[in-house]
Amino acid sequence: MKSNDGRERRSAVRIPLGCEATIIPPPPYSRQSAVCVDLSVDGMTLHTRYVPRPDEVFDVIVKPPSGPSSVKMMHVRVQVRRCQAVGISGDFSLGVKILHVLC
């Protein structure tokens, strides 16, 4: 996130990923596909068609990139911090804070 003068306000470095992810919202909603665009120590950006409620808490499973099978998926509980439309594609960019690492 950039300040008005163009400087980065985040304290944690974001690492670009582009990995498949699954959003597991609270019932009665079903799982939703997503892409984990980037990841930091305390948050991530997801692109998805799912539109969450403000401050909604849900689980996310991020699949590892293609490569060695020894890399495991990441399962985290997150809280929505922002939700913005991405162009005219119907997708949304979700900024989420990681609350707990579950696996």
PDB file of N, CA and C in Angstrom:
ATOM      1  N   MET A   1       0.851  -1.155   0.000  1.00  0.00           N
ATOM      2  CA  MET A   1       0.000   0.000   0.000  1.00  0.00           C
ATOM      3  C   MET A   1       0.904   1.227   0.000  1.00  0.00           C
ATOM      4  N   LYS A   2       0.632   2.161  -0.857  1.00  0.00           N
ATOM      5  CA  LYS A   2       1.476   3.335  -0.984  1.00  0.00           C
ATOM      6  C   LYS A   2       0.818   4.531  -0.319  1.00  0.00           C
ATOM      7  N   SER A   3       1.655   5.398   0.266  1.00  0.00           N
ATOM      8  CA  SER A   3       1.167   6.630   0.865  1.00  0.00           C
ATOM      9  C   SER A   3       0.954   7.666  -0.232  1.00  0.00           C
ATOM     10  N   ASN A   4       0.445   8.839   0.119  1.00  0.00           N
ATOM     11  CA  ASN A   4       0.191   9.888  -0.871  1.00  0.00           C
ATOM     12  C   ASN A   4       1.459  10.353  -1.562  1.00  0.00           C
ATOM     13  N   ASP A   5       2.611  10.218  -0.913  1.00  0.00           N
ATOM     14  CA  ASP A   5       3.861  10.656  -1.535  1.00  0.00           C
ATOM     15  C   ASP A   5       4.544   9.528  -2.304  1.00  0.00           C
ATOM     16  N   GLY A   6       3.863   8.377  -2.483  1.00  0.00           N
ATOM     17  CA  GLY A   6       4.381   7.295  -3.297  1.00  0.00           C
ATOM     18  C   GLY A   6       5.252   6.292  -2.570  1.00  0.00           C
ATOM     19  N   ARG A   7       5.503   6.495  -1.276  1.00  0.00           N
ATOM     20  CA  ARG A   7       6.328   5.550  -0.517  1.00  0.00           C
ATOM     21  C   ARG A   7       5.490   4.388  -0.006  1.00  0.00           C
ATOM     22  N   GLU A   8       6.116   3.225   0.101  1.00  0.00           N
ATOM     23  CA  GLU A   8       5.461   2.014   0.597  1.00  0.00           C
ATOM     24  C   GLU A   8       5.188   2.170   2.095  1.00  0.00           C
ATOM     25  N   ARG A   9       3.941   1.882   2.527  1.00  0.00           N
ATOM     26  CA  ARG A   9       3.587   1.983   3.946  1.00  0.00           C
ATOM     27  C   ARG A   9       3.668   0.658   4.664  1.00  0.00           C
ATOM     28  N   ARG A  10       3.686  -0.448   3.936  1.00  0.00           N
ATOM     29  CA  ARG A  10       3.739  -1.762   4.577  1.00  0.00           C
ATOM     30  C   ARG A  10       5.103  -1.961   5.222  1.00  0.00           C
ATOM     31  N   SER A  11       5.093  -2.590   6.402  1.00  0.00           N
ATOM     32  CA  SER A  11       6.356  -2.885   7.080  1.00  0.00           C
ATOM     33  C   SER A  11       6.934  -4.218   6.616  1.00  0.00           C
ATOM     34  N   ALA A  12       6.111  -5.106   6.093  1.00  0.00           N
ATOM     35  CA  ALA A  12       6.563  -6.431   5.649  1.00  0.00           C
ATOM     36  C   ALA A  12       6.693  -6.465   4.124  1.00  0.00           C
ATOM     37  N   VAL A  13       7.737  -7.083   3.645  1.00  0.00           N
ATOM     38  CA  VAL A  13       7.971  -7.220   2.214  1.00  0.00           C
ATOM     39  C   VAL A  13       6.975  -8.211   1.620  1.00  0.00           C
ATOM     40  N   ARG A  14       6.424  -7.882   0.460  1.00  0.00           N
ATOM     41  CA  ARG A  14       5.497  -8.774  -0.251  1.00  0.00           C
ATOM     42  C   ARG A  14       6.278  -9.567  -1.291  1.00  0.00           C
ATOM     43  N   ILE A  15       6.033 -10.883  -1.335  1.00  0.00           N
ATOM     44  CA  ILE A  15       6.683 -11.762  -2.293  1.00  0.00           C
ATOM     45  C   ILE A  15       5.644 -12.170  -3.330  1.00  0.00           C
ATOM     46  N   PRO A  16       5.889 -11.880  -4.612  1.00  0.00           N
ATOM     47  CA  PRO A  16       4.921 -12.283  -5.643  1.00  0.00           C
ATOM     48  C   PRO A  16       4.842 -13.804  -5.758  1.00  0.00           C
ATOM     49  N   LEU A  17       3.612 -14.335  -5.888  1.00  0.00           N
ATOM     50  CA  LEU A  17       3.434 -15.785  -5.974  1.00  0.00           C
ATOM     51  C   LEU A  17       2.702 -16.223  -7.235  1.00  0.00           C
ATOM     52  N   GLY A  18       1.421 -15.934  -7.308  1.00  0.00           N
ATOM     53  CA  GLY A  18       0.608 -16.410  -8.423  1.00  0.00           C
ATOM     54  C   GLY A  18       0.184 -17.858  -8.275  1.00  0.00           C
ATOM     55  N   CYS A  19      -0.007 -18.326  -7.036  1.00  0.00           N
ATOM     56  CA  CYS A  19      -0.390 -19.719  -6.770  1.00  0.00           C
ATOM     57  C   CYS A  19      -1.906 -19.867  -6.665  1.00  0.00           C
ATOM     58  N   GLU A  20      -2.396 -21.058  -7.034  1.00  0.00           N
ATOM     59  CA  GLU A  20      -3.814 -21.366  -6.854  1.00  0.00           C
ATOM     60  C   GLU A  20      -4.140 -21.376  -5.365  1.00  0.00           C
ATOM     61  N   ALA A  21      -5.343 -20.918  -5.046  1.00  0.00           N
ATOM     62  CA  ALA A  21      -5.787 -20.900  -3.660  1.00  0.00           C
ATOM     63  C   ALA A  21      -7.275 -21.220  -3.603  1.00  0.00           C
ATOM     64  N   THR A  22      -7.726 -21.605  -2.429  1.00  0.00           N
ATOM     65  CA  THR A  22      -9.145 -21.870  -2.185  1.00  0.00           C
ATOM     66  C   THR A  22      -9.574 -21.085  -0.955  1.00  0.00           C
ATOM     67  N   ILE A  23     -10.651 -20.336  -1.097  1.00  0.00           N
ATOM     68  CA  ILE A  23     -11.238 -19.602   0.026  1.00  0.00           C
ATOM     69  C   ILE A  23     -12.331 -20.477   0.613  1.00  0.00           C
ATOM     70  N   ILE A  24     -12.296 -20.652   1.941  1.00  0.00           N
ATOM     71  CA  ILE A  24     -13.320 -21.439   2.639  1.00  0.00           C
ATOM     72  C   ILE A  24     -14.094 -20.468   3.538  1.00  0.00           C
ATOM     73  N   PRO A  25     -15.167 -19.874   2.999  1.00  0.00           N
ATOM     74  CA  PRO A  25     -15.934 -18.910   3.784  1.00  0.00           C
ATOM     75  C   PRO A  25     -16.811 -19.609   4.818  1.00  0.00           C
ATOM     76  N   PRO A  26     -17.342 -18.832   5.749  1.00  0.00           N
ATOM     77  CA  PRO A  26     -18.231 -19.432   6.754  1.00  0.00           C
ATOM     78  C   PRO A  26     -19.513 -19.947   6.103  1.00  0.00           C
ATOM     79  N   PRO A  27     -20.146 -20.957   6.722  1.00  0.00           N
ATOM     80  CA  PRO A  27     -21.412 -21.478   6.201  1.00  0.00           C
ATOM     81  C   PRO A  27     -22.437 -20.352   6.124  1.00  0.00           C
ATOM     82  N   PRO A  28     -23.306 -20.383   5.181  1.00  0.00           N
ATOM     83  CA  PRO A  28     -23.670 -21.451   4.260  1.00  0.00           C
ATOM     84  C   PRO A  28     -22.954 -21.340   2.912  1.00  0.00           C
ATOM     85  N   TYR A  29     -21.910 -20.511   2.798  1.00  0.00           N
ATOM     86  CA  TYR A  29     -21.250 -20.270   1.520  1.00  0.00           C
ATOM     87  C   TYR A  29     -20.297 -21.403   1.169  1.00  0.00           C
ATOM     88  N   SER A  30     -20.170 -21.675  -0.122  1.00  0.00           N
ATOM     89  CA  SER A  30     -19.303 -22.767  -0.580  1.00  0.00           C
ATOM     90  C   SER A  30     -17.893 -22.251  -0.879  1.00  0.00           C
ATOM     91  N   ARG A  31     -16.981 -23.191  -1.023  1.00  0.00           N
ATOM     92  CA  ARG A  31     -15.577 -22.866  -1.334  1.00  0.00           C
ATOM     93  C   ARG A  31     -15.508 -22.069  -2.633  1.00  0.00           C
ATOM     94  N   GLN A  32     -14.529 -21.194  -2.687  1.00  0.00           N
ATOM     95  CA  GLN A  32     -14.356 -20.328  -3.844  1.00  0.00           C
ATOM     96  C   GLN A  32     -12.919 -20.408  -4.337  1.00  0.00           C
ATOM     97  N   SER A  33     -12.726 -20.423  -5.640  1.00  0.00           N
ATOM     98  CA  SER A  33     -11.362 -20.449  -6.167  1.00  0.00           C
ATOM     99  C   SER A  33     -10.781 -19.033  -6.132  1.00  0.00           C
ATOM    100  N   ALA A  34      -9.445 -18.989  -6.046  1.00  0.00           N
ATOM    101  CA  ALA A  34      -8.732 -17.714  -5.969  1.00  0.00           C
ATOM    102  C   ALA A  34      -7.310 -17.926  -6.461  1.00  0.00           C
ATOM    103  N   VAL A  35      -6.600 -16.829  -6.610  1.00  0.00           N
ATOM    104  CA  VAL A  35      -5.168 -16.851  -6.893  1.00  0.00           C
ATOM    105  C   VAL A  35      -4.501 -16.019  -5.807  1.00  0.00           C
ATOM    106  N   CYS A  36      -3.497 -16.594  -5.156  1.00  0.00           N
ATOM    107  CA  CYS A  36      -2.707 -15.849  -4.180  1.00  0.00           C
ATOM    108  C   CYS A  36      -1.657 -15.076  -4.968  1.00  0.00           C
ATOM    109  N   VAL A  37      -1.869 -13.786  -5.107  1.00  0.00           N
ATOM    110  CA  VAL A  37      -1.019 -12.927  -5.929  1.00  0.00           C
ATOM    111  C   VAL A  37       0.305 -12.654  -5.241  1.00  0.00           C
ATOM    112  N   ASP A  38       0.247 -12.363  -3.943  1.00  0.00           N
ATOM    113  CA  ASP A  38       1.470 -12.126  -3.191  1.00  0.00           C
ATOM    114  C   ASP A  38       1.268 -12.499  -1.734  1.00  0.00           C
ATOM    115  N   LEU A  39       2.390 -12.633  -1.025  1.00  0.00           N
ATOM    116  CA  LEU A  39       2.383 -13.119   0.360  1.00  0.00           C
ATOM    117  C   LEU A  39       3.420 -12.360   1.155  1.00  0.00           C
ATOM    118  N   SER A  40       3.093 -12.047   2.402  1.00  0.00           N
ATOM    119  CA  SER A  40       4.061 -11.461   3.323  1.00  0.00           C
ATOM    120  C   SER A  40       3.955 -12.202   4.650  1.00  0.00           C
ATOM    121  N   VAL A  41       4.704 -11.776   5.616  1.00  0.00           N
ATOM    122  CA  VAL A  41       4.703 -12.412   6.930  1.00  0.00           C
ATOM    123  C   VAL A  41       3.320 -12.343   7.569  1.00  0.00           C
ATOM    124  N   ASP A  42       2.598 -11.259   7.343  1.00  0.00           N
ATOM    125  CA  ASP A  42       1.322 -11.075   8.044  1.00  0.00           C
ATOM    126  C   ASP A  42       0.108 -10.900   7.141  1.00  0.00           C
ATOM    127  N   GLY A  43       0.254 -11.121   5.830  1.00  0.00           N
ATOM    128  CA  GLY A  43      -0.897 -10.942   4.966  1.00  0.00           C
ATOM    129  C   GLY A  43      -0.669 -11.465   3.567  1.00  0.00           C
ATOM    130  N   MET A  44      -1.704 -11.324   2.736  1.00  0.00           N
ATOM    131  CA  MET A  44      -1.614 -11.746   1.342  1.00  0.00           C
ATOM    132  C   MET A  44      -2.664 -11.007   0.535  1.00  0.00           C
ATOM    133  N   THR A  45      -2.474 -11.044  -0.781  1.00  0.00           N
ATOM    134  CA  THR A  45      -3.464 -10.509  -1.711  1.00  0.00           C
ATOM    135  C   THR A  45      -4.021 -11.677  -2.506  1.00  0.00           C
ATOM    136  N   LEU A  46      -5.351 -11.740  -2.582  1.00  0.00           N
ATOM    137  CA  LEU A  46      -6.040 -12.784  -3.326  1.00  0.00           C
ATOM    138  C   LEU A  46      -6.854 -12.150  -4.446  1.00  0.00           C
ATOM    139  N   HIS A  47      -6.888 -12.779  -5.611  1.00  0.00           N
ATOM    140  CA  HIS A  47      -7.798 -12.381  -6.681  1.00  0.00           C
ATOM    141  C   HIS A  47      -8.847 -13.475  -6.806  1.00  0.00           C
ATOM    142  N   THR A  48     -10.118 -13.078  -6.777  1.00  0.00           N
ATOM    143  CA  THR A  48     -11.222 -14.024  -6.749  1.00  0.00           C
ATOM    144  C   THR A  48     -12.505 -13.345  -7.205  1.00  0.00           C
ATOM    145  N   ARG A  49     -13.534 -14.144  -7.441  1.00  0.00           N
ATOM    146  CA  ARG A  49     -14.864 -13.593  -7.734  1.00  0.00           C
ATOM    147  C   ARG A  49     -15.712 -13.485  -6.461  1.00  0.00           C
ATOM    148  N   TYR A  50     -15.197 -14.036  -5.367  1.00  0.00           N
ATOM    149  CA  TYR A  50     -15.904 -14.001  -4.082  1.00  0.00           C
ATOM    150  C   TYR A  50     -15.834 -12.590  -3.498  1.00  0.00           C
ATOM    151  N   VAL A  51     -16.967 -12.079  -3.061  1.00  0.00           N
ATOM    152  CA  VAL A  51     -17.028 -10.760  -2.440  1.00  0.00           C
ATOM    153  C   VAL A  51     -17.363 -10.945  -0.959  1.00  0.00           C
ATOM    154  N   PRO A  52     -16.378 -10.754  -0.070  1.00  0.00           N
ATOM    155  CA  PRO A  52     -16.612 -10.959   1.356  1.00  0.00           C
ATOM    156  C   PRO A  52     -17.239  -9.734   2.022  1.00  0.00           C
ATOM    157  N   ARG A  53     -17.728  -9.957   3.223  1.00  0.00           N
ATOM    158  CA  ARG A  53     -18.206  -8.850   4.053  1.00  0.00           C
ATOM    159  C   ARG A  53     -16.986  -8.110   4.617  1.00  0.00           C
ATOM    160  N   PRO A  54     -17.110  -6.836   4.967  1.00  0.00           N
ATOM    161  CA  PRO A  54     -15.992  -6.130   5.606  1.00  0.00           C
ATOM    162  C   PRO A  54     -15.571  -6.858   6.890  1.00  0.00           C
ATOM    163  N   ASP A  55     -14.281  -7.023   7.081  1.00  0.00           N
ATOM    164  CA  ASP A  55     -13.692  -7.683   8.261  1.00  0.00           C
ATOM    165  C   ASP A  55     -14.059  -9.158   8.387  1.00  0.00           C
ATOM    166  N   GLU A  56     -14.621  -9.764   7.333  1.00  0.00           N
ATOM    167  CA  GLU A  56     -14.972 -11.188   7.383  1.00  0.00           C
ATOM    168  C   GLU A  56     -13.730 -12.032   7.671  1.00  0.00           C
ATOM    169  N   VAL A  57     -13.919 -13.094   8.430  1.00  0.00           N
ATOM    170  CA  VAL A  57     -12.844 -14.045   8.737  1.00  0.00           C
ATOM    171  C   VAL A  57     -13.162 -15.354   8.030  1.00  0.00           C
ATOM    172  N   PHE A  58     -12.175 -15.899   7.314  1.00  0.00           N
ATOM    173  CA  PHE A  58     -12.347 -17.182   6.645  1.00  0.00           C
ATOM    174  C   PHE A  58     -10.999 -17.864   6.507  1.00  0.00           C
ATOM    175  N   ASP A  59     -11.022 -19.129   6.090  1.00  0.00           N
ATOM    176  CA  ASP A  59      -9.787 -19.886   5.874  1.00  0.00           C
ATOM    177  C   ASP A  59      -9.388 -19.807   4.414  1.00  0.00           C
ATOM    178  N   VAL A  60      -8.078 -19.895   4.179  1.00  0.00           N
ATOM    179  CA  VAL A  60      -7.539 -19.931   2.824  1.00  0.00           C
ATOM    180  C   VAL A  60      -6.528 -21.066   2.753  1.00  0.00           C
ATOM    181  N   ILE A  61      -6.622 -21.856   1.711  1.00  0.00           N
ATOM    182  CA  ILE A  61      -5.617 -22.877   1.435  1.00  0.00           C
ATOM    183  C   ILE A  61      -4.875 -22.437   0.183  1.00  0.00           C
ATOM    184  N   VAL A  62      -3.556 -22.281   0.311  1.00  0.00           N
ATOM    185  CA  VAL A  62      -2.718 -21.886  -0.820  1.00  0.00           C
ATOM    186  C   VAL A  62      -1.920 -23.101  -1.257  1.00  0.00           C
ATOM    187  N   LYS A  63      -2.088 -23.469  -2.522  1.00  0.00           N
ATOM    188  CA  LYS A  63      -1.357 -24.610  -3.079  1.00  0.00           C
ATOM    189  C   LYS A  63       0.048 -24.155  -3.453  1.00  0.00           C
ATOM    190  N   PRO A  64       1.031 -25.021  -3.259  1.00  0.00           N
ATOM    191  CA  PRO A  64       2.405 -24.631  -3.613  1.00  0.00           C
ATOM    192  C   PRO A  64       2.566 -24.511  -5.123  1.00  0.00           C
ATOM    193  N   PRO A  65       3.559 -23.720  -5.544  1.00  0.00           N
ATOM    194  CA  PRO A  65       3.823 -23.646  -6.989  1.00  0.00           C
ATOM    195  C   PRO A  65       4.315 -24.997  -7.492  1.00  0.00           C
ATOM    196  N   SER A  66       4.251 -25.194  -8.779  1.00  0.00           N
ATOM    197  CA  SER A  66       4.752 -26.440  -9.364  1.00  0.00           C
ATOM    198  C   SER A  66       6.220 -26.609  -8.983  1.00  0.00           C
ATOM    199  N   GLY A  67       6.592 -27.825  -8.714  1.00  0.00           N
ATOM    200  CA  GLY A  67       7.984 -28.087  -8.343  1.00  0.00           C
ATOM    201  C   GLY A  67       8.070 -29.289  -7.435  1.00  0.00           C
ATOM    202  N   PRO A  68       9.052 -29.303  -6.540  1.00  0.00           N
ATOM    203  CA  PRO A  68       9.244 -30.456  -5.652  1.00  0.00           C
ATOM    204  C   PRO A  68       7.986 -30.757  -4.843  1.00  0.00           C
ATOM    205  N   SER A  69       7.649 -32.035  -4.760  1.00  0.00           N
ATOM    206  CA  SER A  69       6.443 -32.432  -4.036  1.00  0.00           C
ATOM    207  C   SER A  69       6.601 -32.315  -2.530  1.00  0.00           C
ATOM    208  N   SER A  70       7.809 -32.007  -2.052  1.00  0.00           N
ATOM    209  CA  SER A  70       8.028 -31.882  -0.613  1.00  0.00           C
ATOM    210  C   SER A  70       7.465 -30.571  -0.056  1.00  0.00           C
ATOM    211  N   VAL A  71       7.118 -29.639  -0.933  1.00  0.00           N
ATOM    212  CA  VAL A  71       6.536 -28.372  -0.496  1.00  0.00           C
ATOM    213  C   VAL A  71       5.069 -28.612  -0.179  1.00  0.00           C
ATOM    214  N   LYS A  72       4.654 -28.224   1.026  1.00  0.00           N
ATOM    215  CA  LYS A  72       3.280 -28.467   1.454  1.00  0.00           C
ATOM    216  C   LYS A  72       2.402 -27.242   1.231  1.00  0.00           C
ATOM    217  N   MET A  73       1.094 -27.483   1.185  1.00  0.00           N
ATOM    218  CA  MET A  73       0.155 -26.381   1.068  1.00  0.00           C
ATOM    219  C   MET A  73       0.159 -25.578   2.374  1.00  0.00           C
ATOM    220  N   MET A  74      -0.328 -24.348   2.289  1.00  0.00           N
ATOM    221  CA  MET A  74      -0.438 -23.493   3.459  1.00  0.00           C
ATOM    222  C   MET A  74      -1.926 -23.285   3.746  1.00  0.00           C
ATOM    223  N   HIS A  75      -2.321 -23.500   4.993  1.00  0.00           N
ATOM    224  CA  HIS A  75      -3.710 -23.325   5.415  1.00  0.00           C
ATOM    225  C   HIS A  75      -3.700 -22.265   6.509  1.00  0.00           C
ATOM    226  N   VAL A  76      -4.364 -21.136   6.253  1.00  0.00           N
ATOM    227  CA  VAL A  76      -4.356 -20.022   7.199  1.00  0.00           C
ATOM    228  C   VAL A  76      -5.771 -19.504   7.426  1.00  0.00           C
ATOM    229  N   ARG A  77      -5.966 -18.866   8.559  1.00  0.00           N
ATOM    230  CA  ARG A  77      -7.211 -18.137   8.843  1.00  0.00           C
ATOM    231  C   ARG A  77      -6.880 -16.661   8.666  1.00  0.00           C
ATOM    232  N   VAL A  78      -7.712 -15.959   7.899  1.00  0.00           N
ATOM    233  CA  VAL A  78      -7.432 -14.576   7.551  1.00  0.00           C
ATOM    234  C   VAL A  78      -8.627 -13.675   7.866  1.00  0.00           C
ATOM    235  N   GLN A  79      -8.354 -12.369   7.872  1.00  0.00           N
ATOM    236  CA  GLN A  79      -9.410 -11.376   8.040  1.00  0.00           C
ATOM    237  C   GLN A  79      -9.292 -10.361   6.909  1.00  0.00           C
ATOM    238  N   VAL A  80     -10.407 -10.051   6.283  1.00  0.00           N
ATOM    239  CA  VAL A  80     -10.435  -9.117   5.156  1.00  0.00           C
ATOM    240  C   VAL A  80     -10.108  -7.706   5.637  1.00  0.00           C
ATOM    241  N   ARG A  81      -9.177  -7.072   4.928  1.00  0.00           N
ATOM    242  CA  ARG A  81      -8.806  -5.682   5.205  1.00  0.00           C
ATOM    243  C   ARG A  81      -9.255  -4.747   4.097  1.00  0.00           C
ATOM    244  N   ARG A  82      -9.317  -5.285   2.856  1.00  0.00           N
ATOM    245  CA  ARG A  82      -9.806  -4.473   1.739  1.00  0.00           C
ATOM    246  C   ARG A  82     -10.352  -5.381   0.653  1.00  0.00           C
ATOM    247  N   CYS A  83     -11.243  -4.825  -0.164  1.00  0.00           N
ATOM    248  CA  CYS A  83     -11.808  -5.547  -1.304  1.00  0.00           C
ATOM    249  C   CYS A  83     -12.048  -4.517  -2.400  1.00  0.00           C
ATOM    250  N   GLN A  84     -11.374  -4.726  -3.558  1.00  0.00           N
ATOM    251  CA  GLN A  84     -11.492  -3.778  -4.653  1.00  0.00           C
ATOM    252  C   GLN A  84     -11.729  -4.535  -5.957  1.00  0.00           C
ATOM    253  N   ALA A  85     -12.561  -3.972  -6.806  1.00  0.00           N
ATOM    254  CA  ALA A  85     -12.779  -4.558  -8.127  1.00  0.00           C
ATOM    255  C   ALA A  85     -11.499  -4.462  -8.937  1.00  0.00           C
ATOM    256  N   VAL A  86     -11.255  -5.488  -9.773  1.00  0.00           N
ATOM    257  CA  VAL A  86     -10.082  -5.506 -10.644  1.00  0.00           C
ATOM    258  C   VAL A  86     -10.578  -5.324 -12.070  1.00  0.00           C
ATOM    259  N   GLY A  87     -10.498  -4.128 -12.584  1.00  0.00           N
ATOM    260  CA  GLY A  87     -10.924  -3.852 -13.956  1.00  0.00           C
ATOM    261  C   GLY A  87     -12.369  -4.232 -14.187  1.00  0.00           C
ATOM    262  N   ILE A  88     -12.643  -4.738 -15.400  1.00  0.00           N
ATOM    263  CA  ILE A  88     -14.018  -5.120 -15.754  1.00  0.00           C
ATOM    264  C   ILE A  88     -14.173  -6.638 -15.817  1.00  0.00           C
ATOM    265  N   SER A  89     -13.209  -7.365 -15.264  1.00  0.00           N
ATOM    266  CA  SER A  89     -13.194  -8.828 -15.354  1.00  0.00           C
ATOM    267  C   SER A  89     -14.214  -9.509 -14.446  1.00  0.00           C
ATOM    268  N   GLY A  90     -14.717  -8.782 -13.452  1.00  0.00           N
ATOM    269  CA  GLY A  90     -15.610  -9.402 -12.471  1.00  0.00           C
ATOM    270  C   GLY A  90     -14.851  -9.959 -11.281  1.00  0.00           C
ATOM    271  N   ASP A  91     -13.521  -9.859 -11.324  1.00  0.00           N
ATOM    272  CA  ASP A  91     -12.694 -10.315 -10.202  1.00  0.00           C
ATOM    273  C   ASP A  91     -12.510  -9.194  -9.193  1.00  0.00           C
ATOM    274  N   PHE A  92     -12.150  -9.607  -7.981  1.00  0.00           N
ATOM    275  CA  PHE A  92     -11.884  -8.662  -6.912  1.00  0.00           C
ATOM    276  C   PHE A  92     -10.518  -8.960  -6.313  1.00  0.00           C
ATOM    277  N   SER A  93      -9.855  -7.918  -5.859  1.00  0.00           N
ATOM    278  CA  SER A  93      -8.576  -8.046  -5.174  1.00  0.00           C
ATOM    279  C   SER A  93      -8.851  -7.899  -3.683  1.00  0.00           C
ATOM    280  N   LEU A  94      -8.549  -8.958  -2.924  1.00  0.00           N
ATOM    281  CA  LEU A  94      -8.763  -8.939  -1.477  1.00  0.00           C
ATOM    282  C   LEU A  94      -7.419  -8.811  -0.779  1.00  0.00           C
ATOM    283  N   GLY A  95      -7.301  -7.832   0.075  1.00  0.00           N
ATOM    284  CA  GLY A  95      -6.146  -7.725   0.954  1.00  0.00           C
ATOM    285  C   GLY A  95      -6.558  -8.331   2.282  1.00  0.00           C
ATOM    286  N   VAL A  96      -5.853  -9.369   2.722  1.00  0.00           N
ATOM    287  CA  VAL A  96      -6.235 -10.047   3.963  1.00  0.00           C
ATOM    288  C   VAL A  96      -5.059 -10.104   4.929  1.00  0.00           C
ATOM    289  N   LYS A  97      -5.384 -10.059   6.191  1.00  0.00           N
ATOM    290  CA  LYS A  97      -4.391 -10.190   7.262  1.00  0.00           C
ATOM    291  C   LYS A  97      -4.419 -11.634   7.760  1.00  0.00           C
ATOM    292  N   ILE A  98      -3.251 -12.240   7.921  1.00  0.00           N
ATOM    293  CA  ILE A  98      -3.188 -13.611   8.434  1.00  0.00           C
ATOM    294  C   ILE A  98      -3.332 -13.568   9.945  1.00  0.00           C
ATOM    295  N   LEU A  99      -4.356 -14.247  10.456  1.00  0.00           N
ATOM    296  CA  LEU A  99      -4.610 -14.309  11.897  1.00  0.00           C
ATOM    297  C   LEU A  99      -3.937 -15.520  12.538  1.00  0.00           C
ATOM    298  N   HIS A 100      -4.026 -16.683  11.873  1.00  0.00           N
ATOM    299  CA  HIS A 100      -3.465 -17.931  12.388  1.00  0.00           C
ATOM    300  C   HIS A 100      -2.984 -18.800  11.233  1.00  0.00           C
ATOM    301  N   VAL A 101      -1.849 -19.437  11.430  1.00  0.00           N
ATOM    302  CA  VAL A 101      -1.405 -20.451  10.486  1.00  0.00           C
ATOM    303  C   VAL A 101      -1.936 -21.773  11.017  1.00  0.00           C
ATOM    304  N   LEU A 102      -2.778 -22.448  10.231  1.00  0.00           N
ATOM    305  CA  LEU A 102      -3.429 -23.689  10.674  1.00  0.00           C
ATOM    306  C   LEU A 102      -2.668 -24.932  10.244  1.00  0.00           C
ATOM    307  N   CYS A 103      -1.915 -24.848   9.154  1.00  0.00           N
ATOM    308  CA  CYS A 103      -1.155 -25.997   8.674  1.00  0.00           C
ATOM    309  C   CYS A 103      -0.142 -25.554   7.664  1.00  0.00           C
TER     310      CYS A 103
END
